[in-house]
């Protein structure tokens, strides 16, 4: 699905008086509400790193970006808008968003430490070969989450800390990491 269809999914979930699982749980429904708001904010305020934009524009071979996500995922709400905007910098970049918990269950091939952590970005060349995989979080966000978990922080404390981290970072870490991947793979 494209980004517009993905955002419509949020509205459909929130407008449905009897949403399907897991959205029949008030906690998940609240995540969707928060994440819709977060994505709208990023859509209005985000700014891609200028160096990354230059790199993206210099890509000379087609690439297909597959973004694995779910509306309930807070990390995805802070990442997917940036990834989509990155693909919009060059006509040779196409993308699709696949849901983690729906067919074709592509996430099964891209586990993180044995888990289905999202968001996940798979960048493929024009023959369908994986060029690189990124995700589920920027390295510094993952370090923060790992530190909090090792300190026995509650789930709420971890989520709040990550939310503050994303707000302060403004996508800079994501842009930097993808810039490095593109350079290392000599894609831009």
N, C-alpha and C. Protein backbone atom coordinates (compact mmCIF):
# COMPACT_ATOMS: atom_id res chain seq x y z
N UNK A 1 0.84 -1.17 0.00
CA UNK A 1 0.00 0.00 0.00
C UNK A 1 0.89 1.24 0.00
N UNK A 2 0.33 2.34 -0.46
CA UNK A 2 1.07 3.59 -0.43
C UNK A 2 0.78 4.33 0.88
N UNK A 3 1.43 5.47 1.05
CA UNK A 3 1.32 6.21 2.31
C UNK A 3 -0.10 6.73 2.54
N UNK A 4 -0.73 7.17 1.48
CA UNK A 4 -2.10 7.67 1.60
C UNK A 4 -3.04 6.56 2.09
N UNK A 5 -2.92 5.38 1.51
CA UNK A 5 -3.74 4.25 1.94
C UNK A 5 -3.41 3.84 3.36
N UNK A 6 -2.14 3.90 3.72
CA UNK A 6 -1.72 3.58 5.09
C UNK A 6 -2.37 4.54 6.08
N UNK A 7 -2.36 5.83 5.76
CA UNK A 7 -2.98 6.80 6.66
C UNK A 7 -4.50 6.61 6.72
N UNK A 8 -5.11 6.23 5.61
CA UNK A 8 -6.55 5.95 5.62
C UNK A 8 -6.87 4.78 6.54
N UNK A 9 -5.96 3.82 6.63
CA UNK A 9 -6.16 2.68 7.52
C UNK A 9 -6.31 3.14 8.97
N UNK A 10 -5.55 4.13 9.38
CA UNK A 10 -5.67 4.68 10.74
C UNK A 10 -7.08 5.21 10.96
N UNK A 11 -7.58 5.98 9.99
CA UNK A 11 -8.92 6.54 10.11
C UNK A 11 -9.98 5.45 10.14
N UNK A 12 -9.82 4.44 9.31
CA UNK A 12 -10.78 3.34 9.28
C UNK A 12 -10.82 2.62 10.62
N UNK A 13 -9.68 2.38 11.21
CA UNK A 13 -9.62 1.72 12.51
C UNK A 13 -10.32 2.58 13.56
N UNK A 14 -10.01 3.87 13.57
CA UNK A 14 -10.56 4.76 14.59
C UNK A 14 -12.04 5.04 14.41
N UNK A 15 -12.52 4.99 13.19
CA UNK A 15 -13.94 5.26 12.92
C UNK A 15 -14.82 4.02 13.05
N UNK A 16 -14.22 2.85 13.13
CA UNK A 16 -14.98 1.59 13.20
C UNK A 16 -15.48 1.38 14.63
N UNK A 17 -16.80 1.25 14.81
CA UNK A 17 -17.31 1.03 16.17
C UNK A 17 -16.91 -0.33 16.75
N UNK A 18 -16.56 -1.27 15.89
CA UNK A 18 -16.15 -2.61 16.32
C UNK A 18 -14.90 -3.04 15.54
N UNK A 19 -13.76 -2.40 15.81
CA UNK A 19 -12.55 -2.73 15.04
C UNK A 19 -12.06 -4.15 15.34
N UNK A 20 -11.38 -4.71 14.36
CA UNK A 20 -10.81 -6.05 14.51
C UNK A 20 -9.63 -6.01 15.47
N UNK A 21 -9.28 -7.16 15.99
CA UNK A 21 -8.12 -7.29 16.88
C UNK A 21 -6.87 -6.87 16.12
N UNK A 22 -5.93 -6.25 16.75
CA UNK A 22 -5.85 -5.95 18.17
C UNK A 22 -6.53 -4.64 18.56
N UNK A 23 -7.19 -4.00 17.60
CA UNK A 23 -7.75 -2.67 17.83
C UNK A 23 -9.06 -2.69 18.60
N UNK A 24 -9.52 -3.88 18.95
CA UNK A 24 -10.66 -3.98 19.84
C UNK A 24 -10.23 -3.78 21.30
N UNK A 25 -8.95 -3.65 21.51
CA UNK A 25 -8.36 -3.35 22.81
C UNK A 25 -8.12 -1.83 22.88
N UNK A 26 -8.62 -1.19 23.93
CA UNK A 26 -8.53 0.27 24.06
C UNK A 26 -7.09 0.77 24.02
N UNK A 27 -6.16 -0.02 24.53
CA UNK A 27 -4.75 0.39 24.52
C UNK A 27 -4.24 0.53 23.09
N UNK A 28 -4.53 -0.46 22.26
CA UNK A 28 -4.09 -0.40 20.86
C UNK A 28 -4.80 0.70 20.10
N UNK A 29 -6.07 0.90 20.40
CA UNK A 29 -6.82 1.97 19.75
C UNK A 29 -6.20 3.33 20.10
N UNK A 30 -5.78 3.49 21.34
CA UNK A 30 -5.13 4.73 21.74
C UNK A 30 -3.79 4.90 21.03
N UNK A 31 -3.04 3.80 20.85
CA UNK A 31 -1.78 3.88 20.10
C UNK A 31 -2.04 4.41 18.69
N UNK A 32 -3.08 3.90 18.05
CA UNK A 32 -3.40 4.34 16.68
C UNK A 32 -3.72 5.83 16.68
N UNK A 33 -4.50 6.27 17.64
CA UNK A 33 -4.87 7.68 17.74
C UNK A 33 -3.60 8.56 17.91
N UNK A 34 -2.74 8.16 18.83
CA UNK A 34 -1.50 8.90 19.05
C UNK A 34 -0.62 8.89 17.80
N UNK A 35 -0.49 7.74 17.19
CA UNK A 35 0.40 7.61 16.03
C UNK A 35 -0.11 8.38 14.82
N UNK A 36 -1.43 8.45 14.66
CA UNK A 36 -1.98 9.26 13.57
C UNK A 36 -1.59 10.72 13.78
N UNK A 37 -1.71 11.18 15.01
CA UNK A 37 -1.34 12.55 15.35
C UNK A 37 0.16 12.79 15.12
N UNK A 38 0.98 11.85 15.53
CA UNK A 38 2.43 11.97 15.36
C UNK A 38 2.80 12.05 13.89
N UNK A 39 2.19 11.21 13.07
CA UNK A 39 2.50 11.22 11.64
C UNK A 39 2.06 12.52 10.99
N UNK A 40 0.90 13.03 11.38
CA UNK A 40 0.44 14.31 10.83
C UNK A 40 1.43 15.42 11.18
N UNK A 41 1.93 15.39 12.40
CA UNK A 41 2.90 16.40 12.83
C UNK A 41 4.18 16.30 11.99
N UNK A 42 4.69 15.07 11.80
CA UNK A 42 5.90 14.91 10.99
C UNK A 42 5.65 15.32 9.55
N UNK A 43 4.48 14.96 9.02
CA UNK A 43 4.17 15.35 7.64
C UNK A 43 4.23 16.87 7.47
N UNK A 44 3.82 17.60 8.49
CA UNK A 44 3.80 19.07 8.43
C UNK A 44 5.14 19.70 8.76
N UNK A 45 5.96 19.04 9.59
CA UNK A 45 7.14 19.70 10.14
C UNK A 45 8.48 19.10 9.75
N UNK A 46 8.50 17.92 9.20
CA UNK A 46 9.80 17.25 8.99
C UNK A 46 10.66 17.96 7.96
N UNK A 47 11.93 17.81 8.17
CA UNK A 47 12.91 18.33 7.22
C UNK A 47 14.00 17.27 7.07
N UNK A 48 14.16 16.80 5.86
CA UNK A 48 15.22 15.82 5.61
C UNK A 48 16.57 16.52 5.59
N UNK A 49 17.58 15.80 6.03
CA UNK A 49 18.95 16.29 6.00
C UNK A 49 19.34 16.61 4.55
N UNK A 50 19.93 17.78 4.34
CA UNK A 50 20.27 18.22 2.98
C UNK A 50 21.28 17.30 2.31
N UNK A 51 22.23 16.79 3.07
CA UNK A 51 23.22 15.86 2.51
C UNK A 51 22.53 14.58 2.03
N UNK A 52 21.59 14.09 2.83
CA UNK A 52 20.85 12.89 2.44
C UNK A 52 20.02 13.15 1.18
N UNK A 53 19.38 14.30 1.10
CA UNK A 53 18.58 14.63 -0.08
C UNK A 53 19.46 14.63 -1.33
N UNK A 54 20.66 15.19 -1.21
CA UNK A 54 21.60 15.18 -2.34
C UNK A 54 21.95 13.75 -2.72
N UNK A 55 22.23 12.92 -1.73
CA UNK A 55 22.55 11.52 -2.02
C UNK A 55 21.38 10.82 -2.71
N UNK A 56 20.19 11.03 -2.21
CA UNK A 56 19.01 10.38 -2.79
C UNK A 56 18.81 10.81 -4.24
N UNK A 57 19.03 12.06 -4.52
CA UNK A 57 18.86 12.57 -5.89
C UNK A 57 19.93 12.02 -6.83
N UNK A 58 21.07 11.60 -6.29
CA UNK A 58 22.16 11.07 -7.11
C UNK A 58 22.01 9.58 -7.41
N UNK A 59 21.05 8.93 -6.81
CA UNK A 59 20.85 7.50 -7.09
C UNK A 59 20.51 7.35 -8.57
N UNK A 60 21.24 6.46 -9.24
CA UNK A 60 21.08 6.33 -10.70
C UNK A 60 20.49 4.99 -11.13
N UNK A 61 20.28 4.10 -10.18
CA UNK A 61 19.68 2.80 -10.49
C UNK A 61 18.38 2.65 -9.69
N UNK A 62 17.37 2.01 -10.28
CA UNK A 62 16.10 1.86 -9.57
C UNK A 62 16.26 1.09 -8.25
N UNK A 63 15.51 1.53 -7.27
CA UNK A 63 15.44 0.84 -5.98
C UNK A 63 13.98 0.75 -5.57
N UNK A 64 13.66 -0.34 -4.89
CA UNK A 64 12.32 -0.49 -4.33
C UNK A 64 12.46 -0.62 -2.83
N UNK A 65 11.81 0.28 -2.10
CA UNK A 65 11.87 0.30 -0.65
C UNK A 65 10.60 -0.33 -0.10
N UNK A 66 10.77 -1.35 0.72
CA UNK A 66 9.64 -2.00 1.38
C UNK A 66 9.70 -1.61 2.86
N UNK A 67 8.63 -1.01 3.33
CA UNK A 67 8.54 -0.57 4.72
C UNK A 67 7.53 -1.47 5.41
N UNK A 68 7.98 -2.18 6.43
CA UNK A 68 7.08 -3.04 7.19
C UNK A 68 6.69 -2.27 8.45
N UNK A 69 5.39 -2.18 8.68
CA UNK A 69 4.89 -1.33 9.76
C UNK A 69 3.55 -1.86 10.26
N UNK A 70 2.98 -1.16 11.23
CA UNK A 70 1.63 -1.38 11.74
C UNK A 70 1.16 -0.06 12.36
N UNK A 71 -0.13 0.24 12.29
CA UNK A 71 -0.63 1.49 12.88
C UNK A 71 -0.40 1.62 14.38
N UNK A 72 -0.28 0.53 15.11
CA UNK A 72 -0.10 0.60 16.56
C UNK A 72 1.34 0.90 16.96
N UNK A 73 2.28 0.86 16.03
CA UNK A 73 3.71 0.96 16.36
C UNK A 73 4.16 2.42 16.48
N UNK A 74 4.55 2.81 17.69
CA UNK A 74 5.02 4.16 17.93
C UNK A 74 6.30 4.50 17.18
N UNK A 75 7.24 3.56 17.13
CA UNK A 75 8.48 3.82 16.39
C UNK A 75 8.18 4.07 14.91
N UNK A 76 7.23 3.33 14.37
CA UNK A 76 6.88 3.50 12.96
C UNK A 76 6.27 4.87 12.69
N UNK A 77 5.48 5.37 13.63
CA UNK A 77 4.86 6.69 13.44
C UNK A 77 5.91 7.78 13.31
N UNK A 78 7.05 7.58 13.92
CA UNK A 78 8.13 8.56 13.86
C UNK A 78 9.10 8.30 12.71
N UNK A 79 8.93 7.20 12.00
CA UNK A 79 9.88 6.80 10.97
C UNK A 79 9.28 6.76 9.57
N UNK A 80 8.10 6.18 9.44
CA UNK A 80 7.49 5.98 8.12
C UNK A 80 7.36 7.30 7.34
N UNK A 81 6.90 8.40 7.95
CA UNK A 81 6.81 9.63 7.15
C UNK A 81 8.15 10.06 6.55
N UNK A 82 9.23 9.88 7.29
CA UNK A 82 10.55 10.23 6.78
C UNK A 82 10.94 9.32 5.62
N UNK A 83 10.73 8.01 5.78
CA UNK A 83 11.11 7.07 4.73
C UNK A 83 10.36 7.35 3.44
N UNK A 84 9.07 7.63 3.56
CA UNK A 84 8.28 7.93 2.37
C UNK A 84 8.79 9.20 1.70
N UNK A 85 9.06 10.23 2.48
CA UNK A 85 9.57 11.47 1.90
C UNK A 85 10.92 11.25 1.23
N UNK A 86 11.72 10.36 1.76
CA UNK A 86 13.00 10.06 1.13
C UNK A 86 12.80 9.50 -0.27
N UNK A 87 11.85 8.59 -0.42
CA UNK A 87 11.62 8.00 -1.75
C UNK A 87 11.11 9.03 -2.74
N UNK A 88 10.50 10.09 -2.25
CA UNK A 88 9.95 11.12 -3.13
C UNK A 88 11.03 12.04 -3.70
N UNK A 89 12.27 11.84 -3.31
CA UNK A 89 13.37 12.69 -3.78
C UNK A 89 13.92 12.25 -5.13
N UNK A 90 13.52 11.07 -5.60
CA UNK A 90 14.10 10.54 -6.84
C UNK A 90 13.08 9.60 -7.48
N UNK A 91 12.79 9.83 -8.76
CA UNK A 91 11.81 9.00 -9.47
C UNK A 91 12.24 7.55 -9.60
N UNK A 92 13.52 7.25 -9.38
CA UNK A 92 13.99 5.86 -9.45
C UNK A 92 13.70 5.08 -8.17
N UNK A 93 13.20 5.79 -7.16
CA UNK A 93 12.87 5.14 -5.90
C UNK A 93 11.37 4.92 -5.82
N UNK A 94 10.99 3.67 -5.62
CA UNK A 94 9.59 3.35 -5.39
C UNK A 94 9.49 2.73 -4.00
N UNK A 95 8.30 2.69 -3.47
CA UNK A 95 8.13 2.11 -2.14
C UNK A 95 6.77 1.45 -2.02
N UNK A 96 6.66 0.63 -1.01
CA UNK A 96 5.37 0.10 -0.59
C UNK A 96 5.44 -0.11 0.91
N UNK A 97 4.29 -0.01 1.55
CA UNK A 97 4.19 -0.28 2.97
C UNK A 97 3.44 -1.60 3.11
N UNK A 98 4.05 -2.51 3.83
CA UNK A 98 3.41 -3.79 4.13
C UNK A 98 3.15 -3.87 5.62
N UNK A 99 2.02 -4.45 5.96
CA UNK A 99 1.69 -4.63 7.37
C UNK A 99 2.39 -5.86 7.91
N UNK A 100 2.97 -5.71 9.07
CA UNK A 100 3.70 -6.80 9.70
C UNK A 100 2.81 -8.01 9.95
N UNK A 101 1.58 -7.76 10.39
CA UNK A 101 0.71 -8.83 10.85
C UNK A 101 -0.29 -9.30 9.80
N UNK A 102 0.00 -9.04 8.53
CA UNK A 102 -0.88 -9.46 7.44
C UNK A 102 -0.06 -10.15 6.35
N UNK A 103 -0.75 -10.93 5.55
CA UNK A 103 -0.13 -11.60 4.42
C UNK A 103 0.54 -10.55 3.54
N UNK A 104 1.78 -10.69 3.12
CA UNK A 104 2.54 -11.92 2.99
C UNK A 104 3.50 -12.21 4.16
N UNK A 105 3.36 -11.53 5.28
CA UNK A 105 4.19 -11.77 6.48
C UNK A 105 5.68 -11.73 6.16
N UNK A 106 6.07 -10.73 5.40
CA UNK A 106 7.47 -10.57 5.00
C UNK A 106 8.39 -10.45 6.21
N UNK A 107 7.87 -9.94 7.32
CA UNK A 107 8.68 -9.75 8.52
C UNK A 107 9.34 -11.06 8.96
N UNK A 108 8.74 -12.18 8.66
CA UNK A 108 9.29 -13.49 9.05
C UNK A 108 10.71 -13.68 8.50
N UNK A 109 11.01 -13.02 7.41
CA UNK A 109 12.35 -13.13 6.80
C UNK A 109 13.33 -12.08 7.33
N UNK A 110 12.83 -11.16 8.16
CA UNK A 110 13.66 -10.04 8.62
C UNK A 110 13.51 -9.82 10.12
N UNK A 111 13.67 -10.89 10.87
CA UNK A 111 13.53 -10.80 12.32
C UNK A 111 14.72 -10.05 12.93
N UNK A 112 14.46 -9.43 14.06
CA UNK A 112 15.50 -8.75 14.82
C UNK A 112 15.66 -9.50 16.13
N UNK A 113 16.80 -10.13 16.32
CA UNK A 113 17.03 -10.95 17.53
C UNK A 113 15.89 -11.93 17.77
N UNK A 114 15.38 -12.51 16.68
CA UNK A 114 14.32 -13.50 16.77
C UNK A 114 12.92 -12.92 16.88
N UNK A 115 12.79 -11.59 16.94
CA UNK A 115 11.48 -10.95 17.09
C UNK A 115 11.06 -10.20 15.85
N UNK A 116 9.78 -9.87 15.79
CA UNK A 116 9.18 -9.18 14.65
C UNK A 116 9.18 -7.66 14.85
N UNK A 117 10.31 -7.12 15.26
CA UNK A 117 10.41 -5.70 15.55
C UNK A 117 10.22 -4.86 14.29
N UNK A 118 9.44 -3.80 14.44
CA UNK A 118 9.18 -2.87 13.34
C UNK A 118 9.34 -1.45 13.84
N UNK A 119 9.51 -0.51 12.93
CA UNK A 119 9.47 -0.63 11.48
C UNK A 119 10.76 -1.25 10.93
N UNK A 120 10.62 -1.77 9.76
CA UNK A 120 11.76 -2.38 9.07
C UNK A 120 11.74 -1.86 7.65
N UNK A 121 12.91 -1.46 7.18
CA UNK A 121 13.07 -1.00 5.80
C UNK A 121 13.94 -2.00 5.07
N UNK A 122 13.43 -2.50 3.95
CA UNK A 122 14.20 -3.38 3.07
C UNK A 122 14.38 -2.64 1.76
N UNK A 123 15.62 -2.39 1.37
CA UNK A 123 15.91 -1.71 0.11
C UNK A 123 16.39 -2.76 -0.87
N UNK A 124 15.70 -2.83 -2.01
CA UNK A 124 16.02 -3.83 -3.04
C UNK A 124 16.41 -3.15 -4.34
N UNK A 125 17.28 -3.83 -5.08
CA UNK A 125 17.68 -3.32 -6.38
C UNK A 125 16.61 -3.68 -7.41
N UNK A 126 16.85 -3.33 -8.67
CA UNK A 126 15.84 -3.54 -9.71
C UNK A 126 15.64 -5.01 -10.07
N UNK A 127 16.48 -5.90 -9.56
CA UNK A 127 16.28 -7.34 -9.79
C UNK A 127 15.67 -8.03 -8.58
N UNK A 128 15.33 -7.25 -7.54
CA UNK A 128 14.69 -7.81 -6.35
C UNK A 128 15.63 -8.30 -5.28
N UNK A 129 16.94 -8.05 -5.46
CA UNK A 129 17.91 -8.45 -4.43
C UNK A 129 17.98 -7.40 -3.34
N UNK A 130 18.09 -7.87 -2.10
CA UNK A 130 18.24 -6.94 -0.98
C UNK A 130 19.58 -6.24 -1.06
N UNK A 131 19.55 -4.91 -0.97
CA UNK A 131 20.76 -4.11 -0.96
C UNK A 131 21.15 -3.84 0.49
N UNK A 132 20.16 -3.46 1.29
CA UNK A 132 20.37 -3.34 2.73
C UNK A 132 19.03 -3.36 3.45
N UNK A 133 19.13 -3.63 4.75
CA UNK A 133 17.95 -3.66 5.63
C UNK A 133 18.26 -2.75 6.80
N UNK A 134 17.28 -1.95 7.18
CA UNK A 134 17.43 -1.05 8.32
C UNK A 134 16.24 -1.26 9.26
N UNK A 135 16.48 -1.07 10.54
CA UNK A 135 15.39 -1.06 11.50
C UNK A 135 15.64 -2.01 12.63
N UNK A 136 14.85 -1.91 13.64
CA UNK A 136 13.60 -1.18 13.78
C UNK A 136 13.72 0.24 14.32
N UNK A 137 14.87 0.62 14.84
CA UNK A 137 15.05 1.97 15.38
C UNK A 137 16.44 2.46 15.01
N UNK A 138 16.58 3.78 15.11
CA UNK A 138 17.92 4.34 15.01
C UNK A 138 18.76 3.78 16.15
N UNK A 139 20.05 3.65 15.92
CA UNK A 139 20.95 3.03 16.90
C UNK A 139 20.86 3.72 18.26
N UNK A 140 20.84 5.05 18.29
CA UNK A 140 20.80 5.74 19.59
C UNK A 140 19.46 5.53 20.30
N UNK A 141 18.37 5.42 19.57
CA UNK A 141 17.08 5.12 20.19
C UNK A 141 17.09 3.70 20.75
N UNK A 142 17.72 2.78 20.03
CA UNK A 142 17.80 1.40 20.52
C UNK A 142 18.65 1.32 21.77
N UNK A 143 19.74 2.07 21.80
CA UNK A 143 20.57 2.10 23.01
C UNK A 143 19.77 2.61 24.21
N UNK A 144 18.99 3.65 23.98
CA UNK A 144 18.15 4.19 25.06
C UNK A 144 17.17 3.13 25.54
N UNK A 145 16.49 2.47 24.63
CA UNK A 145 15.53 1.42 25.01
C UNK A 145 16.22 0.29 25.75
N UNK A 146 17.38 -0.13 25.28
CA UNK A 146 18.12 -1.22 25.94
C UNK A 146 18.54 -0.80 27.36
N UNK A 147 19.02 0.43 27.50
CA UNK A 147 19.43 0.93 28.82
C UNK A 147 18.24 0.94 29.78
N UNK A 148 17.12 1.43 29.33
CA UNK A 148 15.94 1.50 30.19
C UNK A 148 15.45 0.10 30.57
N UNK A 149 15.48 -0.81 29.63
CA UNK A 149 15.07 -2.19 29.93
C UNK A 149 16.00 -2.82 30.95
N UNK A 150 17.30 -2.60 30.80
CA UNK A 150 18.26 -3.18 31.75
C UNK A 150 18.13 -2.55 33.14
N UNK A 151 17.59 -1.34 33.19
CA UNK A 151 17.36 -0.66 34.48
C UNK A 151 15.97 -0.98 35.03
N UNK A 152 15.29 -1.94 34.41
CA UNK A 152 13.95 -2.38 34.82
C UNK A 152 12.92 -1.26 34.79
N UNK A 153 13.04 -0.36 33.83
CA UNK A 153 12.04 0.69 33.65
C UNK A 153 10.73 0.06 33.20
N UNK A 154 9.64 0.69 33.55
CA UNK A 154 8.34 0.19 33.13
C UNK A 154 8.15 0.43 31.64
N UNK A 155 7.18 -0.27 31.06
CA UNK A 155 6.88 -0.09 29.64
C UNK A 155 6.50 1.36 29.37
N UNK A 156 5.73 1.94 30.26
CA UNK A 156 5.31 3.33 30.10
C UNK A 156 6.51 4.28 30.13
N UNK A 157 7.46 4.03 31.03
CA UNK A 157 8.67 4.87 31.10
C UNK A 157 9.48 4.75 29.81
N UNK A 158 9.58 3.55 29.29
CA UNK A 158 10.33 3.33 28.05
C UNK A 158 9.64 4.06 26.89
N UNK A 159 8.33 3.90 26.78
CA UNK A 159 7.60 4.56 25.69
C UNK A 159 7.69 6.08 25.80
N UNK A 160 7.56 6.61 27.01
CA UNK A 160 7.66 8.06 27.19
C UNK A 160 9.06 8.57 26.84
N UNK A 161 10.08 7.84 27.26
CA UNK A 161 11.46 8.24 26.97
C UNK A 161 11.73 8.20 25.47
N UNK A 162 11.25 7.17 24.80
CA UNK A 162 11.43 7.09 23.35
C UNK A 162 10.68 8.22 22.64
N UNK A 163 9.49 8.53 23.11
CA UNK A 163 8.73 9.63 22.52
C UNK A 163 9.51 10.94 22.62
N UNK A 164 10.06 11.20 23.79
CA UNK A 164 10.86 12.42 23.96
C UNK A 164 12.10 12.38 23.06
N UNK A 165 12.72 11.20 22.96
CA UNK A 165 13.90 11.07 22.11
C UNK A 165 13.54 11.42 20.66
N UNK A 166 12.45 10.85 20.13
CA UNK A 166 12.05 11.13 18.75
C UNK A 166 11.76 12.62 18.55
N UNK A 167 11.09 13.23 19.52
CA UNK A 167 10.77 14.66 19.40
C UNK A 167 12.03 15.51 19.36
N UNK A 168 13.02 15.15 20.15
CA UNK A 168 14.27 15.91 20.18
C UNK A 168 15.14 15.63 18.96
N UNK A 169 15.15 14.40 18.52
CA UNK A 169 16.01 13.99 17.41
C UNK A 169 15.53 14.53 16.05
N UNK A 170 14.22 14.63 15.89
CA UNK A 170 13.61 15.18 14.66
C UNK A 170 14.03 14.45 13.38
N UNK A 171 14.30 13.15 13.50
CA UNK A 171 14.65 12.36 12.32
C UNK A 171 16.10 12.42 11.92
N UNK A 172 16.91 13.18 12.66
CA UNK A 172 18.32 13.34 12.28
C UNK A 172 19.08 12.02 12.30
N UNK A 173 18.86 11.21 13.32
CA UNK A 173 19.59 9.93 13.41
C UNK A 173 19.21 9.00 12.28
N UNK A 174 17.93 8.93 11.95
CA UNK A 174 17.47 8.11 10.84
C UNK A 174 18.12 8.58 9.54
N UNK A 175 18.10 9.87 9.29
CA UNK A 175 18.71 10.41 8.07
C UNK A 175 20.20 10.08 8.00
N UNK A 176 20.89 10.26 9.11
CA UNK A 176 22.33 9.98 9.13
C UNK A 176 22.61 8.50 8.86
N UNK A 177 21.86 7.62 9.51
CA UNK A 177 22.08 6.18 9.31
C UNK A 177 21.82 5.77 7.87
N UNK A 178 20.75 6.28 7.27
CA UNK A 178 20.47 5.91 5.89
C UNK A 178 21.49 6.52 4.94
N UNK A 179 21.98 7.70 5.26
CA UNK A 179 23.04 8.31 4.46
C UNK A 179 24.28 7.42 4.45
N UNK A 180 24.62 6.88 5.62
CA UNK A 180 25.78 5.99 5.74
C UNK A 180 25.55 4.72 4.94
N UNK A 181 24.36 4.12 5.05
CA UNK A 181 24.06 2.90 4.29
C UNK A 181 24.20 3.16 2.80
N UNK A 182 23.64 4.27 2.33
CA UNK A 182 23.71 4.57 0.90
C UNK A 182 25.15 4.73 0.43
N UNK A 183 25.95 5.40 1.26
CA UNK A 183 27.37 5.60 0.92
C UNK A 183 28.13 4.28 0.92
N UNK A 184 27.92 3.47 1.97
CA UNK A 184 28.63 2.19 2.09
C UNK A 184 28.31 1.25 0.94
N UNK A 185 27.06 1.29 0.51
CA UNK A 185 26.63 0.40 -0.58
C UNK A 185 26.87 1.03 -1.94
N UNK A 186 27.49 2.20 -1.94
CA UNK A 186 27.78 2.94 -3.16
C UNK A 186 26.54 3.13 -4.03
N UNK A 187 25.46 3.46 -3.36
CA UNK A 187 24.20 3.69 -4.07
C UNK A 187 24.01 5.15 -4.43
N UNK A 188 24.75 6.02 -3.74
CA UNK A 188 24.58 7.46 -4.01
C UNK A 188 25.93 8.14 -3.83
